[in-house]
């Protein structure tokens, strides 16, 4: 079968013929229909320090996908050929899977979904509702990050600040809005991505290099600061400005990963009684259920998808990701 492989320890990916995976007794074999390119894939493509230390050469990459079951193992009773599914990218048997310390990431530690077929344990399979669009189903994994972060704290009637308008930040803003936030402000210096955020209905998309959050508060008639913060950028300056603009007793969920240690004013956290909560991945299986219900009840994240390409044009997809002028990039593996 055809697959995108990290076959050399240098920048790039290579389209190769690799053996079609076989099915174990507890496995599900899936014909891949569509995949999403994510930031992790871009790191592997660029072969940065993290990728070179983490990813084995010769790996088929990719973990955001939707596909159709073509075969199941003899022990599999809950799934059958023809069903449309995605795979959760953590493979472990802990009760709270997202917290397990011993995980094998699909497309990072084990062969992934940028291929015509993928085989996964039945415990890692999510059956999609018929109403879920295939493009949206392909990005359920990053949507899970967004939903987990946005719903970490109650949003009903609250003023929510999102720092970082990458695709996950934009989806988190849309979820917060759907979850009843009064105002949702998103901050990012990238004009293209601010435009995408406006498509999902944020109250205001602001350029932090031109407008401070203090000024944003004045524009919106806010008196005490934001009630909920969603830190999605990993940018130290963005996080410090967020801390300076939260109300007393505010709550902050942090998904963005800083590239190195960062200093903050802990006195502000203590005296303002701020709650900081780290977010990693999504909760299984609860987050996936919530994602499905949100979409069925009208959550529209289609605006975050900006490029739809054939798998044969994967280079153009990675170029779009590197340009900074893209949201989610979808590769179609049908035909």
Protein backbone atom coordinates (compact mmCIF):
# COMPACT_ATOMS: atom_id res chain seq x y z
CA UNK A 1 0.00 0.00 0.00
CA UNK A 2 1.01 3.66 -0.37
CA UNK A 3 2.12 5.56 2.73
CA UNK A 4 3.93 8.75 3.74
CA UNK A 5 7.10 7.63 5.49
CA UNK A 6 9.83 9.39 7.44
CA UNK A 7 12.40 7.25 5.68
CA UNK A 8 15.41 9.54 6.10
CA UNK A 9 16.75 11.61 9.01
CA UNK A 10 16.29 14.94 7.25
CA UNK A 11 13.57 17.37 6.26
CA UNK A 12 10.76 15.89 4.22
CA UNK A 13 8.47 12.89 3.85
CA UNK A 14 8.54 10.24 1.17
CA UNK A 15 5.68 8.44 -0.55
CA UNK A 16 6.55 4.74 -0.48
CA UNK A 17 5.12 1.28 -0.94
CA UNK A 18 4.95 -0.41 2.45
CA UNK A 19 3.44 -3.73 3.59
CA UNK A 20 -0.29 -3.64 4.24
CA UNK A 21 -0.87 -4.15 7.99
CA UNK A 22 -2.29 -7.43 9.24
CA UNK A 23 -5.13 -7.77 11.75
CA UNK A 24 -4.68 -9.29 15.20
CA UNK A 25 -7.52 -10.87 17.14
CA UNK A 26 -8.31 -7.61 19.00
CA UNK A 27 -7.68 -5.26 16.08
CA UNK A 28 -9.70 -3.28 13.58
CA UNK A 29 -8.43 -2.65 10.04
CA UNK A 30 -9.49 0.65 8.52
CA UNK A 31 -9.36 1.99 4.98
CA UNK A 32 -8.26 5.59 5.43
CA UNK A 33 -10.59 8.12 3.77
CA UNK A 34 -9.28 11.50 4.95
CA UNK A 35 -6.47 12.74 7.17
CA UNK A 36 -5.60 16.06 8.80
CA UNK A 37 -2.09 17.49 8.95
CA UNK A 38 -1.27 18.79 12.41
CA UNK A 39 1.57 20.63 14.10
CA UNK A 40 3.15 17.37 15.23
CA UNK A 41 3.30 16.17 11.62
CA UNK A 42 4.93 19.46 10.65
CA UNK A 43 7.60 19.00 13.34
CA UNK A 44 8.30 15.52 11.94
CA UNK A 45 8.38 16.85 8.38
CA UNK A 46 10.85 19.57 9.38
CA UNK A 47 12.85 17.09 11.49
CA UNK A 48 13.45 19.48 14.35
CA UNK A 49 15.17 18.61 17.64
CA UNK A 50 12.02 17.12 19.18
CA UNK A 51 11.25 14.97 16.12
CA UNK A 52 14.79 13.68 15.71
CA UNK A 53 14.84 12.64 19.38
CA UNK A 54 11.39 11.06 19.36
CA UNK A 55 10.41 9.61 15.98
CA UNK A 56 12.06 6.47 14.59
CA UNK A 57 13.26 6.69 11.00
CA UNK A 58 11.11 4.51 8.75
CA UNK A 59 7.84 5.40 10.50
CA UNK A 60 4.56 6.01 8.66
CA UNK A 61 3.31 9.22 10.25
CA UNK A 62 -0.13 10.80 10.76
CA UNK A 63 -2.72 10.49 13.53
CA UNK A 64 -5.72 12.65 12.52
CA UNK A 65 -7.95 10.54 10.31
CA UNK A 66 -11.33 9.12 9.47
CA UNK A 67 -11.85 5.85 7.65
CA UNK A 68 -14.07 2.87 6.96
CA UNK A 69 -13.67 -0.48 8.69
CA UNK A 70 -12.78 -3.26 6.24
CA UNK A 71 -11.89 -6.11 8.62
CA UNK A 72 -12.08 -6.94 12.33
CA UNK A 73 -10.25 -9.46 14.51
CA UNK A 74 -11.93 -12.58 15.85
CA UNK A 75 -12.34 -11.06 19.34
CA UNK A 76 -13.96 -7.86 18.09
CA UNK A 77 -17.71 -7.76 18.70
CA UNK A 78 -18.54 -4.03 18.82
CA UNK A 79 -17.42 -3.05 15.32
CA UNK A 80 -18.07 -4.34 11.83
CA UNK A 81 -17.00 -3.65 8.23
CA UNK A 82 -18.57 -0.57 6.67
CA UNK A 83 -18.67 1.57 9.79
CA UNK A 84 -17.05 5.02 9.66
CA UNK A 85 -14.59 5.52 12.50
CA UNK A 86 -11.60 7.45 13.77
CA UNK A 87 -8.81 6.28 16.03
CA UNK A 88 -7.85 7.78 19.34
CA UNK A 89 -4.12 8.23 19.16
CA UNK A 90 -3.17 6.91 22.60
CA UNK A 91 -2.84 3.15 22.96
CA UNK A 92 -2.93 2.01 26.59
CA UNK A 93 -5.15 0.15 29.01
CA UNK A 94 -5.23 2.60 31.92
CA UNK A 95 -8.61 3.54 33.36
CA UNK A 96 -8.06 7.22 32.55
CA UNK A 97 -6.28 6.75 29.29
CA UNK A 98 -5.21 10.34 28.71
CA UNK A 99 -3.25 10.24 32.00
CA UNK A 100 -1.35 7.01 31.34
CA UNK A 101 2.42 7.48 31.56
CA UNK A 102 3.14 4.65 29.12
CA UNK A 103 1.64 5.52 25.76
CA UNK A 104 2.39 4.75 22.13
CA UNK A 105 1.34 7.62 19.91
CA UNK A 106 -0.01 6.70 16.49
CA UNK A 107 2.17 8.33 13.85
CA UNK A 108 4.82 9.23 16.45
CA UNK A 109 5.89 5.98 18.11
CA UNK A 110 4.01 3.46 15.96
CA UNK A 111 2.94 3.49 12.31
CA UNK A 112 0.26 6.06 11.59
CA UNK A 113 -2.62 7.02 9.36
CA UNK A 114 -0.97 8.71 6.37
CA UNK A 115 -1.49 5.50 4.46
CA UNK A 116 -4.18 3.60 2.59
CA UNK A 117 -4.85 1.34 5.59
CA UNK A 118 -4.25 1.42 9.32
CA UNK A 119 -4.76 -1.22 12.01
CA UNK A 120 -5.60 -0.22 15.59
CA UNK A 121 -6.73 -2.01 18.75
CA UNK A 122 -10.51 -2.04 19.08
CA UNK A 123 -10.17 -0.03 22.34
CA UNK A 124 -8.85 2.90 20.30
CA UNK A 125 -11.74 3.10 17.85
CA UNK A 126 -14.47 5.73 17.87
CA UNK A 127 -17.64 5.11 15.85
CA UNK A 128 -18.86 8.33 14.23
CA UNK A 129 -22.47 9.41 14.16
CA UNK A 130 -23.86 9.44 10.59
CA UNK A 131 -24.42 13.21 10.80
CA UNK A 132 -20.71 14.02 11.24
CA UNK A 133 -19.12 15.34 8.04
CA UNK A 134 -16.04 13.39 6.92
CA UNK A 135 -13.81 16.47 6.92
CA UNK A 136 -14.81 17.23 10.51
CA UNK A 137 -14.44 13.57 11.49
CA UNK A 138 -10.87 13.66 10.16
CA UNK A 139 -9.96 16.34 12.71
CA UNK A 140 -11.73 14.89 15.74
CA UNK A 141 -8.36 14.46 17.47
CA UNK A 142 -7.48 18.20 17.58
CA UNK A 143 -11.14 19.05 18.20
CA UNK A 144 -10.80 16.87 21.28
CA UNK A 145 -7.98 19.10 22.54
CA UNK A 146 -10.14 22.16 21.94
CA UNK A 147 -13.20 20.73 23.67
CA UNK A 148 -11.20 19.43 26.65
CA UNK A 149 -9.64 22.87 27.12
CA UNK A 150 -12.73 25.00 26.51
CA UNK A 151 -14.89 22.92 28.87
CA UNK A 152 -12.28 22.69 31.65
CA UNK A 153 -14.22 25.44 33.44
CA UNK A 154 -17.84 26.61 33.11
CA UNK A 155 -18.28 29.23 30.39
CA UNK A 156 -21.96 30.14 30.78
CA UNK A 157 -22.27 33.92 31.02
CA UNK A 158 -18.50 34.38 31.31
CA UNK A 159 -16.06 36.56 29.40
CA UNK A 160 -13.49 34.23 27.82
CA UNK A 161 -10.02 35.13 26.56
CA UNK A 162 -8.20 32.82 24.13
CA UNK A 163 -4.51 33.46 23.45
CA UNK A 164 -3.38 31.82 20.22
CA UNK A 165 -5.51 31.51 17.07
CA UNK A 166 -4.09 28.30 15.72
CA UNK A 167 -6.72 25.78 14.60
CA UNK A 168 -7.15 24.35 18.11
CA UNK A 169 -7.43 27.82 19.63
CA UNK A 170 -10.06 28.80 17.07
CA UNK A 171 -12.04 25.62 17.69
CA UNK A 172 -11.81 26.20 21.45
CA UNK A 173 -13.20 29.70 20.95
CA UNK A 174 -16.11 28.26 18.97
CA UNK A 175 -16.78 25.69 21.69
CA UNK A 176 -16.72 28.36 24.42
CA UNK A 177 -19.22 30.39 22.44
CA UNK A 178 -21.44 27.34 21.99
CA UNK A 179 -21.12 26.59 25.72
CA UNK A 180 -22.72 29.90 26.63
CA UNK A 181 -19.87 32.42 27.01
CA UNK A 182 -21.01 36.05 26.98
CA UNK A 183 -17.95 37.31 25.10
CA UNK A 184 -15.08 35.42 23.48
CA UNK A 185 -11.96 37.41 22.62
CA UNK A 186 -9.09 35.74 20.75
CA UNK A 187 -5.60 37.24 20.50
CA UNK A 188 -3.03 36.44 17.80
CA UNK A 189 -0.59 38.50 15.68
CA UNK A 190 -1.39 36.45 12.54
CA UNK A 191 -4.00 38.36 10.50
CA UNK A 192 -4.97 35.32 8.42
CA UNK A 193 -5.80 33.28 11.51
CA UNK A 194 -7.67 36.14 13.12
CA UNK A 195 -9.84 36.14 10.02
CA UNK A 196 -10.54 32.43 10.49
CA UNK A 197 -11.48 33.08 14.11
CA UNK A 198 -13.98 35.70 13.03
CA UNK A 199 -15.67 33.06 10.84
CA UNK A 200 -16.50 30.93 13.88
CA UNK A 201 -18.18 33.85 15.65
CA UNK A 202 -15.74 35.28 18.19
CA UNK A 203 -16.70 38.62 19.69
CA UNK A 204 -13.36 40.16 18.80
CA UNK A 205 -10.12 38.95 17.19
CA UNK A 206 -7.30 41.23 18.28
CA UNK A 207 -3.71 41.78 17.19
CA UNK A 208 -1.70 41.93 20.45
CA UNK A 209 1.09 43.86 18.74
CA UNK A 210 -1.33 46.69 17.97
CA UNK A 211 -3.96 46.59 20.73
CA UNK A 212 -3.48 45.70 24.37
CA UNK A 213 -5.98 43.61 26.27
CA UNK A 214 -6.56 46.60 28.57
CA UNK A 215 -7.77 48.51 25.53
CA UNK A 216 -9.93 45.55 24.50
CA UNK A 217 -11.57 45.59 27.93
CA UNK A 218 -12.34 49.31 27.54
CA UNK A 219 -13.79 48.74 24.06
CA UNK A 220 -16.11 46.04 25.40
CA UNK A 221 -17.09 47.90 28.55
CA UNK A 222 -15.57 45.29 30.84
CA UNK A 223 -14.96 46.27 34.47
CA UNK A 224 -12.95 43.55 36.16
CA UNK A 225 -11.18 41.43 33.55
CA UNK A 226 -11.79 38.09 31.88
CA UNK A 227 -13.38 35.25 33.83
CA UNK A 228 -11.93 32.31 31.91
CA UNK A 229 -8.65 32.11 30.00
CA UNK A 230 -7.71 29.50 27.40
CA UNK A 231 -3.95 29.70 26.80
CA UNK A 232 -3.32 27.99 23.45
CA UNK A 233 -0.12 29.69 22.22
CA UNK A 234 2.69 28.65 24.52
CA UNK A 235 3.96 32.21 24.13
CA UNK A 236 5.35 33.67 27.39
CA UNK A 237 4.38 37.27 26.54
CA UNK A 238 0.83 36.19 25.66
CA UNK A 239 0.47 34.27 28.91
CA UNK A 240 1.80 37.12 31.03
CA UNK A 241 -0.62 39.57 29.40
CA UNK A 242 -3.44 37.10 30.02
CA UNK A 243 -2.54 36.97 33.72
CA UNK A 244 -2.62 40.77 33.87
CA UNK A 245 -6.15 40.88 32.46
CA UNK A 246 -8.01 38.23 34.43
CA UNK A 247 -10.63 39.01 37.07
CA UNK A 248 -10.11 38.06 40.70
CA UNK A 249 -10.85 34.36 41.10
CA UNK A 250 -10.54 33.74 37.35
CA UNK A 251 -9.64 30.34 35.93
CA UNK A 252 -7.10 29.56 33.19
CA UNK A 253 -6.79 26.31 31.20
CA UNK A 254 -3.38 25.89 29.55
CA UNK A 255 -2.89 23.76 26.43
CA UNK A 256 -0.13 25.74 24.64
CA UNK A 257 3.35 24.31 25.17
CA UNK A 258 6.18 26.80 25.82
CA UNK A 259 9.42 26.08 23.99
CA UNK A 260 11.35 26.63 27.22
CA UNK A 261 10.82 27.59 30.86
CA UNK A 262 8.97 30.87 31.35
CA UNK A 263 8.74 33.25 34.30
CA UNK A 264 5.48 34.77 35.53
CA UNK A 265 4.52 37.05 38.40
CA UNK A 266 3.32 34.50 40.97
CA UNK A 267 2.17 37.30 43.27
CA UNK A 268 -0.51 38.09 40.70
CA UNK A 269 -1.64 34.46 40.69
CA UNK A 270 -1.72 34.26 44.48
CA UNK A 271 -3.26 37.61 45.39
CA UNK A 272 -5.82 37.43 42.58
CA UNK A 273 -6.66 33.84 43.55
CA UNK A 274 -6.24 32.58 40.00
CA UNK A 275 -6.65 28.90 39.17
CA UNK A 276 -4.23 27.46 36.58
CA UNK A 277 -4.96 24.05 35.09
CA UNK A 278 -2.76 22.18 32.64
CA UNK A 279 -4.53 20.32 29.83
CA UNK A 280 -3.06 17.36 27.98
CA UNK A 281 -4.95 15.78 25.11
CA UNK A 282 -8.52 14.81 25.71
CA UNK A 283 -10.47 12.67 28.19
CA UNK A 284 -11.44 9.26 26.95
CA UNK A 285 -14.14 8.59 26.26
CA UNK A 286 -16.01 11.57 27.65
CA UNK A 287 -14.53 14.27 25.41
CA UNK A 288 -15.30 12.34 22.22
CA UNK A 289 -18.91 11.96 23.29
CA UNK A 290 -19.16 15.68 24.01
CA UNK A 291 -17.64 16.51 20.62
CA UNK A 292 -20.26 14.45 18.83
CA UNK A 293 -23.13 16.01 20.79
CA UNK A 294 -21.80 19.54 20.23
CA UNK A 295 -21.63 18.97 16.47
CA UNK A 296 -25.08 17.39 16.38
CA UNK A 297 -26.43 20.40 18.28
CA UNK A 298 -25.01 22.90 15.79
CA UNK A 299 -21.32 23.53 16.55
CA UNK A 300 -19.76 24.46 13.20
CA UNK A 301 -15.97 24.22 12.96
CA UNK A 302 -15.84 23.80 9.20
CA UNK A 303 -14.45 27.33 8.84
CA UNK A 304 -11.15 26.21 10.38
CA UNK A 305 -10.56 23.87 7.41
CA UNK A 306 -8.84 25.91 4.71
CA UNK A 307 -7.17 23.39 2.38
CA UNK A 308 -8.54 20.16 0.91
CA UNK A 309 -6.01 18.26 -1.19
CA UNK A 310 -5.36 14.83 -2.65
CA UNK A 311 -2.86 12.73 -0.71
CA UNK A 312 -0.67 12.89 -3.81
CA UNK A 313 -0.34 16.65 -3.21
CA UNK A 314 0.90 16.27 0.36
CA UNK A 315 3.88 18.55 -0.31
CA UNK A 316 1.51 21.43 -1.05
CA UNK A 317 -0.30 20.68 2.19
CA UNK A 318 2.89 20.92 4.24
CA UNK A 319 3.87 24.09 2.40
CA UNK A 320 0.52 25.62 3.38
CA UNK A 321 1.13 24.64 7.01
CA UNK A 322 4.60 26.19 6.98
CA UNK A 323 3.33 29.43 5.41
CA UNK A 324 1.30 30.38 8.48
CA UNK A 325 -1.65 31.13 6.20
CA UNK A 326 -3.69 28.01 6.75
CA UNK A 327 -6.04 26.44 9.19
CA UNK A 328 -6.52 22.70 9.07
CA UNK A 329 -5.24 20.94 5.95
CA UNK A 330 -7.16 17.82 4.87
CA UNK A 331 -5.69 15.11 2.63
CA UNK A 332 -8.18 12.92 0.75
CA UNK A 333 -7.01 9.29 0.41
CA UNK A 334 -9.90 8.09 -1.75
CA UNK A 335 -8.63 7.16 -5.20
